[in-house]
């Protein structure tokens, strides 16, 4: 693994990264002032990081376009002290990783490198061996009445009161109908299924393990693209936000449309988490789904208290 870092304070960066990298990793730290010239040449590196300790968010804006021009080379932000007030802005600008204090403590492992390259749409040269796991059989092959382990996702349109004032009750009802259809297609792309609805949102089910696109990562991307989705998909001239909540647990399986008799504490919990606890523009997860957060965005999730006896994590608030 070869890591290239652009920084104005190489000694500090070297100390922070040496402890986080595997012993056989190759680390090179280059002066920040030469970044734009250096990335114009082919770079022999697996990952490139921009150290923002001395340049802040304004500096991120100055160098992001140059880093994004380096073909097939994922880059990320190194934030050893957690100074960025809104780390999501790094992803808006094309970053594929955010190395905050939490990620540095966890270490930059080959498995993390594989996740980052997958996030960037690249193959990993040395992918970590996948854990053997029983493949999900498909929703249409699950026996009716059987108990299954799944991940739940409750999703709804944010700020319903504000939307009601701006577009009216009739158009809000139509928006919710259209949104439910949109989310059914969205879930299918991640191996999921739209399972139940209530007046405000939709409950989606996903297999207990990712078998393609991570639904948490897909939710993160959808929140980043919310303005574009609101205009291009739903023809809204007003801001659109989403609320995503994830939980993992068990339920009796019944096909969509025949779920009215299901009794499940986990189903009740996800409806409560999504309807009563999650706020606009956030992704909220129970501790049971913490392992579902992809490595490149793990540091964007912070403790958010307890709810109904479970520890909760939430994405940092994304500014418009």
Protein backbone atom coordinates (compact mmCIF):
# COMPACT_ATOMS: atom_id res chain seq x y z
CA UNK A 1 0.00 0.00 0.00
CA UNK A 2 1.46 3.34 -1.06
CA UNK A 3 0.03 6.53 0.46
CA UNK A 4 0.86 10.00 -0.80
CA UNK A 5 0.08 13.04 1.37
CA UNK A 6 0.31 16.74 0.54
CA UNK A 7 0.93 18.78 3.68
CA UNK A 8 2.54 21.94 5.00
CA UNK A 9 3.61 20.21 8.25
CA UNK A 10 5.17 16.85 7.27
CA UNK A 11 6.54 15.97 10.71
CA UNK A 12 3.13 16.11 12.37
CA UNK A 13 1.47 14.16 9.56
CA UNK A 14 4.12 11.46 9.56
CA UNK A 15 3.63 10.83 13.27
CA UNK A 16 -0.15 10.57 12.92
CA UNK A 17 -0.12 8.31 9.87
CA UNK A 18 2.73 5.99 10.83
CA UNK A 19 0.66 4.68 13.72
CA UNK A 20 -2.39 4.19 11.50
CA UNK A 21 -0.72 2.49 8.53
CA UNK A 22 0.39 -1.16 8.27
CA UNK A 23 4.12 -1.67 8.90
CA UNK A 24 4.79 -2.52 5.25
CA UNK A 25 2.99 0.57 3.91
CA UNK A 26 4.95 3.12 1.92
CA UNK A 27 4.23 6.70 3.00
CA UNK A 28 5.46 9.77 1.11
CA UNK A 29 4.72 13.34 2.22
CA UNK A 30 5.12 16.11 -0.33
CA UNK A 31 4.95 19.91 0.02
CA UNK A 32 1.48 21.28 -0.46
CA UNK A 33 2.71 24.11 -2.67
CA UNK A 34 3.70 21.60 -5.37
CA UNK A 35 0.38 19.73 -5.45
CA UNK A 36 -1.08 21.19 -8.65
CA UNK A 37 2.09 20.56 -10.58
CA UNK A 38 2.65 17.07 -9.15
CA UNK A 39 -0.81 15.65 -9.89
CA UNK A 40 -0.44 16.54 -13.56
CA UNK A 41 2.05 13.64 -13.80
CA UNK A 42 1.27 9.91 -13.36
CA UNK A 43 1.38 9.11 -9.64
CA UNK A 44 2.38 5.71 -8.33
CA UNK A 45 0.09 5.61 -5.30
CA UNK A 46 -2.97 3.79 -4.01
CA UNK A 47 -4.37 6.82 -2.21
CA UNK A 48 -3.66 10.54 -2.07
CA UNK A 49 -4.60 12.71 0.89
CA UNK A 50 -4.85 16.47 1.30
CA UNK A 51 -3.91 17.57 4.83
CA UNK A 52 -6.22 20.44 5.73
CA UNK A 53 -4.73 21.22 9.16
CA UNK A 54 -3.20 24.50 8.05
CA UNK A 55 -5.44 25.45 5.13
CA UNK A 56 -9.00 24.79 6.39
CA UNK A 57 -12.13 24.57 4.27
CA UNK A 58 -11.03 27.41 1.99
CA UNK A 59 -7.86 25.49 1.13
CA UNK A 60 -9.90 22.40 0.39
CA UNK A 61 -11.73 24.38 -2.27
CA UNK A 62 -8.47 25.60 -3.80
CA UNK A 63 -6.93 22.15 -4.25
CA UNK A 64 -9.95 19.88 -4.82
CA UNK A 65 -10.23 20.48 -8.56
CA UNK A 66 -6.55 19.68 -9.12
CA UNK A 67 -6.87 16.43 -7.14
CA UNK A 68 -10.04 15.46 -8.98
CA UNK A 69 -8.19 15.80 -12.30
CA UNK A 70 -5.85 12.92 -11.42
CA UNK A 71 -7.44 10.03 -13.32
CA UNK A 72 -8.27 6.78 -11.49
CA UNK A 73 -6.60 7.96 -8.32
CA UNK A 74 -8.90 8.24 -5.30
CA UNK A 75 -8.12 11.11 -3.00
CA UNK A 76 -9.29 12.02 0.44
CA UNK A 77 -9.03 14.59 3.19
CA UNK A 78 -6.73 14.13 6.16
CA UNK A 79 -8.18 15.92 9.20
CA UNK A 80 -6.12 14.75 12.16
CA UNK A 81 -7.79 17.10 14.64
CA UNK A 82 -11.34 16.89 13.27
CA UNK A 83 -11.38 20.60 12.37
CA UNK A 84 -13.77 20.51 9.39
CA UNK A 85 -17.17 21.74 10.55
CA UNK A 86 -18.90 19.99 7.64
CA UNK A 87 -16.80 17.05 6.34
CA UNK A 88 -19.53 16.16 3.84
CA UNK A 89 -18.35 19.13 1.78
CA UNK A 90 -15.21 17.14 0.96
CA UNK A 91 -17.38 14.53 -0.78
CA UNK A 92 -19.29 17.28 -2.58
CA UNK A 93 -15.93 18.30 -4.06
CA UNK A 94 -15.01 14.77 -5.18
CA UNK A 95 -13.18 13.26 -2.20
CA UNK A 96 -13.48 9.51 -1.73
CA UNK A 97 -12.37 9.33 1.90
CA UNK A 98 -12.35 11.39 5.06
CA UNK A 99 -9.60 10.53 7.55
CA UNK A 100 -10.67 12.08 10.81
CA UNK A 101 -9.54 11.14 14.32
CA UNK A 102 -11.80 8.10 14.48
CA UNK A 103 -10.53 6.58 11.23
CA UNK A 104 -6.92 7.20 12.25
CA UNK A 105 -7.50 5.35 15.52
CA UNK A 106 -9.06 2.44 13.64
CA UNK A 107 -6.13 2.27 11.20
CA UNK A 108 -5.85 2.34 7.40
CA UNK A 109 -6.07 -1.37 6.63
CA UNK A 110 -6.11 -3.16 3.25
CA UNK A 111 -9.83 -3.80 3.81
CA UNK A 112 -10.41 -0.05 4.19
CA UNK A 113 -8.40 0.59 1.03
CA UNK A 114 -10.62 -1.90 -0.79
CA UNK A 115 -13.77 -0.10 0.43
CA UNK A 116 -12.41 3.29 -0.65
CA UNK A 117 -11.52 2.05 -4.12
CA UNK A 118 -14.93 0.39 -4.45
CA UNK A 119 -16.53 3.70 -3.41
CA UNK A 120 -14.50 5.39 -6.16
CA UNK A 121 -15.62 2.78 -8.71
CA UNK A 122 -12.14 1.25 -8.99
CA UNK A 123 -10.91 -2.28 -8.52
CA UNK A 124 -8.57 -2.86 -5.61
CA UNK A 125 -5.21 -4.35 -6.68
CA UNK A 126 -5.04 -6.45 -3.51
CA UNK A 127 -8.62 -6.95 -2.37
CA UNK A 128 -9.19 -8.41 1.05
CA UNK A 129 -10.54 -11.97 0.96
CA UNK A 130 -14.30 -11.81 1.49
CA UNK A 131 -15.74 -13.59 4.47
CA UNK A 132 -17.64 -16.72 3.51
CA UNK A 133 -21.34 -16.01 3.88
CA UNK A 134 -24.57 -17.64 2.82
CA UNK A 135 -25.89 -15.77 -0.19
CA UNK A 136 -29.30 -14.17 0.16
CA UNK A 137 -31.79 -16.32 -1.80
CA UNK A 138 -33.96 -13.45 -3.06
CA UNK A 139 -37.19 -11.98 -1.73
CA UNK A 140 -39.40 -14.14 -3.95
CA UNK A 141 -37.84 -17.34 -2.55
CA UNK A 142 -38.39 -16.63 1.13
CA UNK A 143 -41.04 -18.93 2.64
CA UNK A 144 -44.12 -17.08 3.86
CA UNK A 145 -44.24 -17.02 7.65
CA UNK A 146 -40.53 -17.74 8.14
CA UNK A 147 -38.41 -15.63 10.48
CA UNK A 148 -35.64 -13.69 8.75
CA UNK A 149 -32.70 -11.48 9.75
CA UNK A 150 -32.76 -8.23 7.78
CA UNK A 151 -31.77 -4.59 7.81
CA UNK A 152 -34.69 -2.17 8.01
CA UNK A 153 -34.67 1.29 6.49
CA UNK A 154 -37.43 3.80 7.12
CA UNK A 155 -37.27 6.76 4.73
CA UNK A 156 -39.48 9.81 4.37
CA UNK A 157 -39.52 13.30 2.92
CA UNK A 158 -38.18 15.85 5.39
CA UNK A 159 -39.81 19.09 6.55
CA UNK A 160 -43.42 18.05 5.74
CA UNK A 161 -44.91 21.11 7.45
CA UNK A 162 -42.72 23.48 5.45
CA UNK A 163 -43.59 21.66 2.22
CA UNK A 164 -47.30 21.78 3.06
CA UNK A 165 -47.10 25.56 3.40
CA UNK A 166 -45.12 25.98 0.18
CA UNK A 167 -46.76 23.51 -2.20
CA UNK A 168 -50.09 22.68 -0.54
CA UNK A 169 -51.63 19.52 0.89
CA UNK A 170 -52.69 18.02 -2.45
CA UNK A 171 -49.26 18.34 -4.02
CA UNK A 172 -47.58 17.04 -0.84
CA UNK A 173 -49.73 13.88 -1.01
CA UNK A 174 -48.74 13.43 -4.65
CA UNK A 175 -45.07 14.00 -3.75
CA UNK A 176 -45.24 11.28 -1.10
CA UNK A 177 -46.78 8.84 -3.58
CA UNK A 178 -44.12 9.60 -6.17
CA UNK A 179 -41.40 9.43 -3.54
CA UNK A 180 -42.56 5.96 -2.42
CA UNK A 181 -42.28 4.71 -6.01
CA UNK A 182 -38.88 6.32 -6.43
CA UNK A 183 -37.60 4.71 -3.20
CA UNK A 184 -38.89 1.27 -4.26
CA UNK A 185 -36.68 1.47 -7.38
CA UNK A 186 -33.81 2.90 -5.31
CA UNK A 187 -34.03 0.02 -2.83
CA UNK A 188 -34.05 -2.60 -5.60
CA UNK A 189 -30.74 -1.25 -6.91
CA UNK A 190 -29.23 -2.10 -3.49
CA UNK A 191 -30.85 -5.54 -3.32
CA UNK A 192 -33.75 -4.32 -1.19
CA UNK A 193 -37.53 -4.20 -1.37
CA UNK A 194 -40.24 -1.72 -0.43
CA UNK A 195 -42.19 -3.56 2.28
CA UNK A 196 -44.67 -1.35 4.17
CA UNK A 197 -45.91 2.23 4.18
CA UNK A 198 -47.45 4.60 6.66
CA UNK A 199 -48.89 8.06 5.86
CA UNK A 200 -45.47 9.72 5.91
CA UNK A 201 -42.82 7.22 4.85
CA UNK A 202 -41.80 3.83 3.50
CA UNK A 203 -40.19 0.87 5.25
CA UNK A 204 -37.60 -0.86 3.08
CA UNK A 205 -35.91 -4.20 3.74
CA UNK A 206 -32.34 -5.14 2.80
CA UNK A 207 -30.41 -8.40 3.23
CA UNK A 208 -28.36 -8.53 6.42
CA UNK A 209 -25.14 -8.21 4.37
CA UNK A 210 -24.30 -5.97 1.42
CA UNK A 211 -24.39 -7.86 -1.86
CA UNK A 212 -23.68 -4.88 -4.06
CA UNK A 213 -24.16 -1.19 -3.36
CA UNK A 214 -24.32 -0.42 0.36
CA UNK A 215 -27.74 1.10 1.18
CA UNK A 216 -26.09 3.39 3.76
CA UNK A 217 -23.68 4.67 1.11
CA UNK A 218 -26.53 5.03 -1.40
CA UNK A 219 -28.50 7.04 1.18
CA UNK A 220 -25.48 9.28 1.75
CA UNK A 221 -25.20 9.94 -1.98
CA UNK A 222 -28.91 10.66 -2.27
CA UNK A 223 -28.71 13.25 0.50
CA UNK A 224 -25.76 14.90 -1.24
CA UNK A 225 -27.79 15.04 -4.48
CA UNK A 226 -31.06 16.10 -2.83
CA UNK A 227 -31.34 19.45 -4.65
CA UNK A 228 -30.83 17.85 -8.06
CA UNK A 229 -33.20 14.96 -7.25
CA UNK A 230 -35.86 17.36 -6.01
CA UNK A 231 -35.81 19.32 -9.25
CA UNK A 232 -35.14 16.65 -11.88
CA UNK A 233 -37.20 13.78 -10.41
CA UNK A 234 -40.04 15.55 -8.59
CA UNK A 235 -40.07 18.93 -10.40
CA UNK A 236 -39.91 20.85 -7.13
CA UNK A 237 -38.81 24.47 -7.09
CA UNK A 238 -38.39 24.38 -3.30
CA UNK A 239 -35.68 22.59 -1.26
CA UNK A 240 -36.17 18.87 -0.67
CA UNK A 241 -34.68 16.92 2.22
CA UNK A 242 -34.84 13.27 3.28
CA UNK A 243 -34.82 11.32 6.54
CA UNK A 244 -33.17 7.89 6.57
CA UNK A 245 -33.17 5.51 9.56
CA UNK A 246 -31.53 2.07 9.65
CA UNK A 247 -31.88 -0.81 12.10
CA UNK A 248 -31.07 -4.54 11.98
CA UNK A 249 -33.18 -7.27 13.51
CA UNK A 250 -35.68 -10.07 12.91
CA UNK A 251 -39.19 -10.25 11.56
CA UNK A 252 -41.68 -12.70 10.18
CA UNK A 253 -41.59 -12.54 6.39
CA UNK A 254 -44.74 -11.80 4.48
CA UNK A 255 -44.91 -10.42 0.98
CA UNK A 256 -45.61 -6.70 0.48
CA UNK A 257 -49.34 -6.10 0.71
CA UNK A 258 -49.93 -8.91 3.22
CA UNK A 259 -48.02 -7.56 6.22
CA UNK A 260 -50.92 -6.35 8.37
CA UNK A 261 -50.72 -9.14 10.98
CA UNK A 262 -46.96 -9.00 11.63
CA UNK A 263 -45.92 -8.47 15.26
CA UNK A 264 -42.24 -7.59 15.66
CA UNK A 265 -40.39 -5.44 18.18
CA UNK A 266 -37.78 -4.59 15.57
CA UNK A 267 -40.41 -3.45 13.07
CA UNK A 268 -42.01 -1.25 15.73
CA UNK A 269 -38.61 0.19 16.66
CA UNK A 270 -37.67 1.23 13.11
CA UNK A 271 -41.01 2.98 12.63
CA UNK A 272 -40.47 4.85 15.90
CA UNK A 273 -36.84 5.70 15.08
CA UNK A 274 -37.75 7.04 11.64
CA UNK A 275 -40.97 8.78 12.63
CA UNK A 276 -40.10 10.20 16.05
CA UNK A 277 -36.31 10.52 16.34
CA UNK A 278 -34.64 11.09 12.96
CA UNK A 279 -34.36 14.70 11.83
CA UNK A 280 -34.29 16.33 8.39
CA UNK A 281 -31.25 15.71 6.23
CA UNK A 282 -29.84 13.02 8.52
CA UNK A 283 -29.06 9.32 8.36
CA UNK A 284 -29.80 7.72 11.73
CA UNK A 285 -28.66 4.21 12.66
CA UNK A 286 -29.10 1.93 15.63
CA UNK A 287 -25.92 0.38 17.04
CA UNK A 288 -26.97 -2.91 15.42
CA UNK A 289 -26.21 -1.44 11.98
CA UNK A 290 -23.00 0.44 12.83
CA UNK A 291 -20.95 -2.14 10.91
CA UNK A 292 -22.94 -1.27 7.77
CA UNK A 293 -21.31 2.19 7.52
CA UNK A 294 -18.71 2.05 4.70
CA UNK A 295 -15.20 2.98 5.79
CA UNK A 296 -14.84 6.14 3.63
CA UNK A 297 -17.75 7.86 5.41
CA UNK A 298 -17.50 6.30 8.89
CA UNK A 299 -16.11 9.46 10.48
CA UNK A 300 -19.17 11.39 9.31
CA UNK A 301 -21.31 9.55 11.88
CA UNK A 302 -21.35 10.61 15.52
CA UNK A 303 -23.10 9.40 18.70
CA UNK A 304 -26.68 10.70 18.87
CA UNK A 305 -27.82 9.49 22.28
CA UNK A 306 -30.09 6.59 23.18
CA UNK A 307 -33.60 5.85 21.93
CA UNK A 308 -35.88 3.20 23.36
CA UNK A 309 -32.94 1.50 25.02
CA UNK A 310 -30.64 1.41 21.99
CA UNK A 311 -27.51 3.42 21.23
CA UNK A 312 -27.98 5.67 18.18
CA UNK A 313 -25.56 7.11 15.62
CA UNK A 314 -26.40 9.91 13.21
CA UNK A 315 -24.69 11.50 10.25
CA UNK A 316 -23.40 14.99 10.80
CA UNK A 317 -25.79 17.69 9.64
CA UNK A 318 -25.16 18.51 5.99
CA UNK A 319 -25.30 22.21 5.28
CA UNK A 320 -26.99 23.48 2.12
